[in-house]
Amino acid sequence: MGILCGAVWANEAWGSYWNWDPKETWAFITWTIFAIYLHSRTNQNWKGTNSALVASIGFLIIWICYFGINLLGIGLHSYGSFTLPI
């Protein structure tokens, strides 16, 4: 729901729904990993350790999306970047 609302907001603000900005791309990757996780929970062979591994990868990707991309400060979302003290 958040990605859809963000796309509508981006269309109003920047004139397009999706720009393949690094932050948008990593948000899409995160969404995809957790969609795989939800589907893996319904498969009997993937329950337990395998689905927990997919969830852990998704958690790691959230950290990359939040800290990694913000620390780089690139793309349309550079207004949300952190400033590192010198």
PDB file of N, CA and C in Angstrom:
ATOM      1  N   MET A   1       0.832  -1.188   0.000  1.00  0.00           N
ATOM      2  CA  MET A   1       0.000   0.000   0.000  1.00  0.00           C
ATOM      3  C   MET A   1       0.877   1.252   0.000  1.00  0.00           C
ATOM      4  N   GLY A   2       1.979   1.176   0.750  1.00  0.00           N
ATOM      5  CA  GLY A   2       2.880   2.326   0.817  1.00  0.00           C
ATOM      6  C   GLY A   2       3.533   2.636  -0.518  1.00  0.00           C
ATOM      7  N   ILE A   3       3.931   1.600  -1.252  1.00  0.00           N
ATOM      8  CA  ILE A   3       4.552   1.830  -2.561  1.00  0.00           C
ATOM      9  C   ILE A   3       3.540   2.441  -3.528  1.00  0.00           C
ATOM     10  N   LEU A   4       2.300   1.978  -3.477  1.00  0.00           N
ATOM     11  CA  LEU A   4       1.275   2.548  -4.357  1.00  0.00           C
ATOM     12  C   LEU A   4       0.991   4.011  -4.025  1.00  0.00           C
ATOM     13  N   CYS A   5       0.881   4.322  -2.735  1.00  0.00           N
ATOM     14  CA  CYS A   5       0.658   5.715  -2.332  1.00  0.00           C
ATOM     15  C   CYS A   5       1.853   6.588  -2.707  1.00  0.00           C
ATOM     16  N   GLY A   6       3.059   6.040  -2.550  1.00  0.00           N
ATOM     17  CA  GLY A   6       4.256   6.779  -2.941  1.00  0.00           C
ATOM     18  C   GLY A   6       4.311   7.038  -4.438  1.00  0.00           C
ATOM     19  N   ALA A   7       3.847   6.077  -5.228  1.00  0.00           N
ATOM     20  CA  ALA A   7       3.822   6.261  -6.679  1.00  0.00           C
ATOM     21  C   ALA A   7       2.842   7.354  -7.080  1.00  0.00           C
ATOM     22  N   VAL A   8       1.688   7.392  -6.444  1.00  0.00           N
ATOM     23  CA  VAL A   8       0.715   8.448  -6.732  1.00  0.00           C
ATOM     24  C   VAL A   8       1.281   9.801  -6.332  1.00  0.00           C
ATOM     25  N   TRP A   9       1.933   9.869  -5.171  1.00  0.00           N
ATOM     26  CA  TRP A   9       2.551  11.120  -4.730  1.00  0.00           C
ATOM     27  C   TRP A   9       3.661  11.538  -5.696  1.00  0.00           C
ATOM     28  N   ALA A  10       4.483  10.593  -6.149  1.00  0.00           N
ATOM     29  CA  ALA A  10       5.572  10.899  -7.082  1.00  0.00           C
ATOM     30  C   ALA A  10       5.030  11.435  -8.396  1.00  0.00           C
ATOM     31  N   ASN A  11       3.908  10.897  -8.840  1.00  0.00           N
ATOM     32  CA  ASN A  11       3.307  11.398 -10.077  1.00  0.00           C
ATOM     33  C   ASN A  11       2.879  12.850  -9.914  1.00  0.00           C
ATOM     34  N   GLU A  12       2.347  13.185  -8.767  1.00  0.00           N
ATOM     35  CA  GLU A  12       1.941  14.573  -8.517  1.00  0.00           C
ATOM     36  C   GLU A  12       3.150  15.494  -8.358  1.00  0.00           C
ATOM     37  N   ALA A  13       4.187  15.012  -7.680  1.00  0.00           N
ATOM     38  CA  ALA A  13       5.346  15.854  -7.386  1.00  0.00           C
ATOM     39  C   ALA A  13       6.304  15.964  -8.565  1.00  0.00           C
ATOM     40  N   TRP A  14       6.597  14.837  -9.233  1.00  0.00           N
ATOM     41  CA  TRP A  14       7.647  14.816 -10.251  1.00  0.00           C
ATOM     42  C   TRP A  14       7.133  14.521 -11.646  1.00  0.00           C
ATOM     43  N   GLY A  15       5.874  14.170 -11.786  1.00  0.00           N
ATOM     44  CA  GLY A  15       5.311  13.943 -13.109  1.00  0.00           C
ATOM     45  C   GLY A  15       5.426  12.524 -13.641  1.00  0.00           C
ATOM     46  N   SER A  16       5.926  11.584 -12.840  1.00  0.00           N
ATOM     47  CA  SER A  16       5.933  10.185 -13.267  1.00  0.00           C
ATOM     48  C   SER A  16       5.780   9.305 -12.037  1.00  0.00           C
ATOM     49  N   TYR A  17       5.218   8.123 -12.273  1.00  0.00           N
ATOM     50  CA  TYR A  17       4.955   7.217 -11.156  1.00  0.00           C
ATOM     51  C   TYR A  17       6.214   6.525 -10.665  1.00  0.00           C
ATOM     52  N   TRP A  18       7.155   6.264 -11.562  1.00  0.00           N
ATOM     53  CA  TRP A  18       8.345   5.493 -11.196  1.00  0.00           C
ATOM     54  C   TRP A  18       9.523   6.020 -11.993  1.00  0.00           C
ATOM     55  N   ASN A  19      10.642   6.319 -11.303  1.00  0.00           N
ATOM     56  CA  ASN A  19      11.808   6.881 -11.971  1.00  0.00           C
ATOM     57  C   ASN A  19      13.045   5.997 -11.893  1.00  0.00           C
ATOM     58  N   TRP A  20      12.949   4.830 -11.323  1.00  0.00           N
ATOM     59  CA  TRP A  20      14.085   3.930 -11.108  1.00  0.00           C
ATOM     60  C   TRP A  20      15.196   4.618 -10.321  1.00  0.00           C
ATOM     61  N   ASP A  21      14.802   5.450  -9.406  1.00  0.00           N
ATOM     62  CA  ASP A  21      15.710   6.064  -8.454  1.00  0.00           C
ATOM     63  C   ASP A  21      16.266   4.966  -7.544  1.00  0.00           C
ATOM     64  N   PRO A  22      17.491   5.089  -7.021  1.00  0.00           N
ATOM     65  CA  PRO A  22      18.023   4.028  -6.155  1.00  0.00           C
ATOM     66  C   PRO A  22      17.123   3.695  -4.969  1.00  0.00           C
ATOM     67  N   LYS A  23      16.519   4.684  -4.345  1.00  0.00           N
ATOM     68  CA  LYS A  23      15.637   4.425  -3.209  1.00  0.00           C
ATOM     69  C   LYS A  23      14.384   3.661  -3.652  1.00  0.00           C
ATOM     70  N   GLU A  24      13.828   4.049  -4.769  1.00  0.00           N
ATOM     71  CA  GLU A  24      12.648   3.352  -5.296  1.00  0.00           C
ATOM     72  C   GLU A  24      12.989   1.925  -5.709  1.00  0.00           C
ATOM     73  N   THR A  25      14.139   1.755  -6.310  1.00  0.00           N
ATOM     74  CA  THR A  25      14.554   0.429  -6.744  1.00  0.00           C
ATOM     75  C   THR A  25      14.749  -0.506  -5.557  1.00  0.00           C
ATOM     76  N   TRP A  26      15.419  -0.027  -4.502  1.00  0.00           N
ATOM     77  CA  TRP A  26      15.629  -0.862  -3.320  1.00  0.00           C
ATOM     78  C   TRP A  26      14.323  -1.121  -2.581  1.00  0.00           C
ATOM     79  N   ALA A  27      13.382  -0.175  -2.618  1.00  0.00           N
ATOM     80  CA  ALA A  27      12.063  -0.427  -2.026  1.00  0.00           C
ATOM     81  C   ALA A  27      11.350  -1.531  -2.800  1.00  0.00           C
ATOM     82  N   PHE A  28      11.483  -1.533  -4.115  1.00  0.00           N
ATOM     83  CA  PHE A  28      10.890  -2.593  -4.927  1.00  0.00           C
ATOM     84  C   PHE A  28      11.546  -3.937  -4.630  1.00  0.00           C
ATOM     85  N   ILE A  29      12.872  -3.954  -4.474  1.00  0.00           N
ATOM     86  CA  ILE A  29      13.574  -5.192  -4.129  1.00  0.00           C
ATOM     87  C   ILE A  29      13.096  -5.715  -2.780  1.00  0.00           C
ATOM     88  N   THR A  30      12.934  -4.815  -1.808  1.00  0.00           N
ATOM     89  CA  THR A  30      12.433  -5.198  -0.484  1.00  0.00           C
ATOM     90  C   THR A  30      11.039  -5.801  -0.592  1.00  0.00           C
ATOM     91  N   TRP A  31      10.172  -5.150  -1.340  1.00  0.00           N
ATOM     92  CA  TRP A  31       8.810  -5.648  -1.520  1.00  0.00           C
ATOM     93  C   TRP A  31       8.829  -7.028  -2.159  1.00  0.00           C
ATOM     94  N   THR A  32       9.688  -7.216  -3.142  1.00  0.00           N
ATOM     95  CA  THR A  32       9.778  -8.505  -3.832  1.00  0.00           C
ATOM     96  C   THR A  32      10.253  -9.609  -2.890  1.00  0.00           C
ATOM     97  N   ILE A  33      11.260  -9.329  -2.077  1.00  0.00           N
ATOM     98  CA  ILE A  33      11.773 -10.331  -1.136  1.00  0.00           C
ATOM     99  C   ILE A  33      10.684 -10.738  -0.145  1.00  0.00           C
ATOM    100  N   PHE A  34       9.943  -9.777   0.379  1.00  0.00           N
ATOM    101  CA  PHE A  34       8.902 -10.142   1.340  1.00  0.00           C
ATOM    102  C   PHE A  34       7.699 -10.796   0.667  1.00  0.00           C
ATOM    103  N   ALA A  35       7.456 -10.528  -0.616  1.00  0.00           N
ATOM    104  CA  ALA A  35       6.431 -11.268  -1.348  1.00  0.00           C
ATOM    105  C   ALA A  35       6.865 -12.726  -1.512  1.00  0.00           C
ATOM    106  N   ILE A  36       8.153 -12.925  -1.788  1.00  0.00           N
ATOM    107  CA  ILE A  36       8.686 -14.297  -1.856  1.00  0.00           C
ATOM    108  C   ILE A  36       8.547 -14.970  -0.498  1.00  0.00           C
ATOM    109  N   TYR A  37       8.819 -14.234   0.567  1.00  0.00           N
ATOM    110  CA  TYR A  37       8.684 -14.789   1.918  1.00  0.00           C
ATOM    111  C   TYR A  37       7.247 -15.229   2.193  1.00  0.00           C
ATOM    112  N   LEU A  38       6.284 -14.378   1.873  1.00  0.00           N
ATOM    113  CA  LEU A  38       4.878 -14.737   2.122  1.00  0.00           C
ATOM    114  C   LEU A  38       4.462 -15.942   1.291  1.00  0.00           C
ATOM    115  N   HIS A  39       4.937 -16.039   0.065  1.00  0.00           N
ATOM    116  CA  HIS A  39       4.615 -17.198  -0.756  1.00  0.00           C
ATOM    117  C   HIS A  39       5.332 -18.446  -0.268  1.00  0.00           C
ATOM    118  N   SER A  40       6.543 -18.283   0.252  1.00  0.00           N
ATOM    119  CA  SER A  40       7.278 -19.455   0.746  1.00  0.00           C
ATOM    120  C   SER A  40       6.626 -20.044   1.994  1.00  0.00           C
ATOM    121  N   ARG A  41       5.916 -19.232   2.737  1.00  0.00           N
ATOM    122  CA  ARG A  41       5.222 -19.743   3.930  1.00  0.00           C
ATOM    123  C   ARG A  41       4.062 -20.655   3.568  1.00  0.00           C
ATOM    124  N   THR A  42       3.533 -20.511   2.356  1.00  0.00           N
ATOM    125  CA  THR A  42       2.421 -21.369   1.950  1.00  0.00           C
ATOM    126  C   THR A  42       2.896 -22.689   1.349  1.00  0.00           C
ATOM    127  N   ASN A  43       4.176 -22.782   1.001  1.00  0.00           N
ATOM    128  CA  ASN A  43       4.744 -23.998   0.428  1.00  0.00           C
ATOM    129  C   ASN A  43       5.270 -24.879   1.559  1.00  0.00           C
ATOM    130  N   GLN A  44       4.825 -26.100   1.603  1.00  0.00           N
ATOM    131  CA  GLN A  44       5.193 -27.018   2.692  1.00  0.00           C
ATOM    132  C   GLN A  44       6.700 -27.254   2.744  1.00  0.00           C
ATOM    133  N   ASN A  45       7.367 -27.309   1.597  1.00  0.00           N
ATOM    134  CA  ASN A  45       8.806 -27.576   1.566  1.00  0.00           C
ATOM    135  C   ASN A  45       9.648 -26.396   2.044  1.00  0.00           C
ATOM    136  N   TRP A  46       9.098 -25.188   2.013  1.00  0.00           N
ATOM    137  CA  TRP A  46       9.864 -23.999   2.365  1.00  0.00           C
ATOM    138  C   TRP A  46       9.575 -23.487   3.772  1.00  0.00           C
ATOM    139  N   LYS A  47       8.691 -24.124   4.512  1.00  0.00           N
ATOM    140  CA  LYS A  47       8.381 -23.661   5.865  1.00  0.00           C
ATOM    141  C   LYS A  47       9.574 -23.890   6.780  1.00  0.00           C
ATOM    142  N   GLY A  48       9.647 -23.125   7.852  1.00  0.00           N
ATOM    143  CA  GLY A  48      10.704 -23.307   8.836  1.00  0.00           C
ATOM    144  C   GLY A  48      11.961 -22.537   8.496  1.00  0.00           C
ATOM    145  N   THR A  49      13.075 -23.236   8.394  1.00  0.00           N
ATOM    146  CA  THR A  49      14.377 -22.605   8.223  1.00  0.00           C
ATOM    147  C   THR A  49      14.483 -21.837   6.911  1.00  0.00           C
ATOM    148  N   ASN A  50      13.972 -22.387   5.838  1.00  0.00           N
ATOM    149  CA  ASN A  50      14.079 -21.712   4.545  1.00  0.00           C
ATOM    150  C   ASN A  50      13.316 -20.397   4.517  1.00  0.00           C
ATOM    151  N   SER A  51      12.105 -20.372   5.033  1.00  0.00           N
ATOM    152  CA  SER A  51      11.350 -19.116   5.033  1.00  0.00           C
ATOM    153  C   SER A  51      11.960 -18.117   6.013  1.00  0.00           C
ATOM    154  N   ALA A  52      12.547 -18.609   7.111  1.00  0.00           N
ATOM    155  CA  ALA A  52      13.232 -17.706   8.043  1.00  0.00           C
ATOM    156  C   ALA A  52      14.461 -17.089   7.387  1.00  0.00           C
ATOM    157  N   LEU A  53      15.138 -17.841   6.546  1.00  0.00           N
ATOM    158  CA  LEU A  53      16.289 -17.309   5.817  1.00  0.00           C
ATOM    159  C   LEU A  53      15.856 -16.212   4.848  1.00  0.00           C
ATOM    160  N   VAL A  54      14.760 -16.413   4.158  1.00  0.00           N
ATOM    161  CA  VAL A  54      14.242 -15.388   3.238  1.00  0.00           C
ATOM    162  C   VAL A  54      13.846 -14.136   4.025  1.00  0.00           C
ATOM    163  N   ALA A  55      13.217 -14.302   5.189  1.00  0.00           N
ATOM    164  CA  ALA A  55      12.849 -13.158   6.025  1.00  0.00           C
ATOM    165  C   ALA A  55      14.086 -12.421   6.515  1.00  0.00           C
ATOM    166  N   SER A  56      15.144 -13.135   6.848  1.00  0.00           N
ATOM    167  CA  SER A  56      16.391 -12.501   7.294  1.00  0.00           C
ATOM    168  C   SER A  56      17.035 -11.703   6.169  1.00  0.00           C
ATOM    169  N   ILE A  57      16.996 -12.241   4.968  1.00  0.00           N
ATOM    170  CA  ILE A  57      17.513 -11.510   3.816  1.00  0.00           C
ATOM    171  C   ILE A  57      16.696 -10.238   3.589  1.00  0.00           C
ATOM    172  N   GLY A  58      15.395 -10.344   3.745  1.00  0.00           N
ATOM    173  CA  GLY A  58      14.538  -9.167   3.618  1.00  0.00           C
ATOM    174  C   GLY A  58      14.855  -8.114   4.656  1.00  0.00           C
ATOM    175  N   PHE A  59      15.134  -8.537   5.883  1.00  0.00           N
ATOM    176  CA  PHE A  59      15.491  -7.588   6.934  1.00  0.00           C
ATOM    177  C   PHE A  59      16.806  -6.897   6.611  1.00  0.00           C
ATOM    178  N   LEU A  60      17.774  -7.637   6.102  1.00  0.00           N
ATOM    179  CA  LEU A  60      19.055  -7.058   5.701  1.00  0.00           C
ATOM    180  C   LEU A  60      18.860  -6.046   4.580  1.00  0.00           C
ATOM    181  N   ILE A  61      17.995  -6.349   3.640  1.00  0.00           N
ATOM    182  CA  ILE A  61      17.746  -5.434   2.526  1.00  0.00           C
ATOM    183  C   ILE A  61      17.054  -4.166   3.012  1.00  0.00           C
ATOM    184  N   ILE A  62      16.204  -4.274   4.031  1.00  0.00           N
ATOM    185  CA  ILE A  62      15.610  -3.064   4.604  1.00  0.00           C
ATOM    186  C   ILE A  62      16.691  -2.159   5.172  1.00  0.00           C
ATOM    187  N   TRP A  63      17.672  -2.740   5.843  1.00  0.00           N
ATOM    188  CA  TRP A  63      18.790  -1.943   6.378  1.00  0.00           C
ATOM    189  C   TRP A  63      19.575  -1.285   5.253  1.00  0.00           C
ATOM    190  N   ILE A  64      19.806  -2.016   4.171  1.00  0.00           N
ATOM    191  CA  ILE A  64      20.505  -1.434   3.022  1.00  0.00           C
ATOM    192  C   ILE A  64      19.687  -0.293   2.439  1.00  0.00           C
ATOM    193  N   CYS A  65      18.399  -0.513   2.310  1.00  0.00           N
ATOM    194  CA  CYS A  65      17.514   0.509   1.738  1.00  0.00           C
ATOM    195  C   CYS A  65      17.497   1.759   2.612  1.00  0.00           C
ATOM    196  N   TYR A  66      17.409   1.573   3.918  1.00  0.00           N
ATOM    197  CA  TYR A  66      17.279   2.726   4.812  1.00  0.00           C
ATOM    198  C   TYR A  66      18.610   3.430   5.043  1.00  0.00           C
ATOM    199  N   PHE A  67      19.626   2.686   5.441  1.00  0.00           N
ATOM    200  CA  PHE A  67      20.897   3.317   5.766  1.00  0.00           C
ATOM    201  C   PHE A  67      21.827   3.451   4.564  1.00  0.00           C
ATOM    202  N   GLY A  68      21.985   2.402   3.785  1.00  0.00           N
ATOM    203  CA  GLY A  68      22.931   2.432   2.680  1.00  0.00           C
ATOM    204  C   GLY A  68      22.611   3.495   1.647  1.00  0.00           C
ATOM    205  N   ILE A  69      21.394   3.528   1.179  1.00  0.00           N
ATOM    206  CA  ILE A  69      21.017   4.489   0.154  1.00  0.00           C
ATOM    207  C   ILE A  69      20.962   5.902   0.724  1.00  0.00           C
ATOM    208  N   ASN A  70      20.485   6.061   1.953  1.00  0.00           N
ATOM    209  CA  ASN A  70      20.445   7.391   2.551  1.00  0.00           C
ATOM    210  C   ASN A  70      21.843   7.938   2.816  1.00  0.00           C
ATOM    211  N   LEU A  71      22.773   7.094   3.202  1.00  0.00           N
ATOM    212  CA  LEU A  71      24.129   7.574   3.444  1.00  0.00           C
ATOM    213  C   LEU A  71      24.820   7.978   2.148  1.00  0.00           C
ATOM    214  N   LEU A  72      24.478   7.312   1.044  1.00  0.00           N
ATOM    215  CA  LEU A  72      25.060   7.704  -0.239  1.00  0.00           C
ATOM    216  C   LEU A  72      24.510   9.045  -0.710  1.00  0.00           C
ATOM    217  N   GLY A  73      23.243   9.317  -0.401  1.00  0.00           N
ATOM    218  CA  GLY A  73      22.634  10.606  -0.747  1.00  0.00           C
ATOM    219  C   GLY A  73      22.537  10.850  -2.237  1.00  0.00           C
ATOM    220  N   ILE A  74      22.156   9.832  -3.006  1.00  0.00           N
ATOM    221  CA  ILE A  74      22.056   9.982  -4.451  1.00  0.00           C
ATOM    222  C   ILE A  74      20.602   9.851  -4.885  1.00  0.00           C
ATOM    223  N   GLY A  75      20.287  10.398  -6.029  1.00  0.00           N
ATOM    224  CA  GLY A  75      18.966  10.235  -6.607  1.00  0.00           C
ATOM    225  C   GLY A  75      17.979  11.302  -6.183  1.00  0.00           C
ATOM    226  N   LEU A  76      16.730  11.059  -6.517  1.00  0.00           N
ATOM    227  CA  LEU A  76      15.665  12.010  -6.201  1.00  0.00           C
ATOM    228  C   LEU A  76      15.412  12.129  -4.711  1.00  0.00           C
ATOM    229  N   HIS A  77      15.774  11.106  -3.954  1.00  0.00           N
ATOM    230  CA  HIS A  77      15.510  11.096  -2.531  1.00  0.00           C
ATOM    231  C   HIS A  77      16.703  11.578  -1.717  1.00  0.00           C
ATOM    232  N   SER A  78      17.552  12.397  -2.292  1.00  0.00           N
ATOM    233  CA  SER A  78      18.732  12.870  -1.572  1.00  0.00           C
ATOM    234  C   SER A  78      18.364  13.843  -0.453  1.00  0.00           C
ATOM    235  N   TYR A  79      17.160  14.405  -0.481  1.00  0.00           N
ATOM    236  CA  TYR A  79      16.720  15.275   0.604  1.00  0.00           C
ATOM    237  C   TYR A  79      16.577  14.506   1.906  1.00  0.00           C
ATOM    238  N   GLY A  80      16.451  13.188   1.832  1.00  0.00           N
ATOM    239  CA  GLY A  80      16.325  12.360   3.028  1.00  0.00           C
ATOM    240  C   GLY A  80      17.638  11.768   3.466  1.00  0.00           C
ATOM    241  N   SER A  81      18.760  12.236   2.898  1.00  0.00           N
ATOM    242  CA  SER A  81      20.049  11.620   3.225  1.00  0.00           C
ATOM    243  C   SER A  81      20.568  12.124   4.561  1.00  0.00           C
ATOM    244  N   PHE A  82      21.391  11.314   5.173  1.00  0.00           N
ATOM    245  CA  PHE A  82      22.032  11.690   6.430  1.00  0.00           C
ATOM    246  C   PHE A  82      23.241  12.560   6.121  1.00  0.00           C
ATOM    247  N   THR A  83      23.580  13.420   7.043  1.00  0.00           N
ATOM    248  CA  THR A  83      24.830  14.170   6.922  1.00  0.00           C
ATOM    249  C   THR A  83      25.810  13.596   7.910  1.00  0.00           C
ATOM    250  N   LEU A  84      26.967  13.208   7.413  1.00  0.00           N
ATOM    251  CA  LEU A  84      27.994  12.620   8.258  1.00  0.00           C
ATOM    252  C   LEU A  84      28.886  13.709   8.840  1.00  0.00           C
ATOM    253  N   PRO A  85      29.112  13.688  10.164  1.00  0.00           N
ATOM    254  CA  PRO A  85      30.000  14.711  10.735  1.00  0.00           C
ATOM    255  C   PRO A  85      31.443  14.451  10.303  1.00  0.00           C
ATOM    256  N   ILE A  86      32.154  15.517  10.087  1.00  0.00           N
ATOM    257  CA  ILE A  86      33.542  15.395   9.639  1.00  0.00           C
ATOM    258  C   ILE A  86      34.495  15.297  10.799  1.00  0.00           C
TER     259      ILE A  86
END
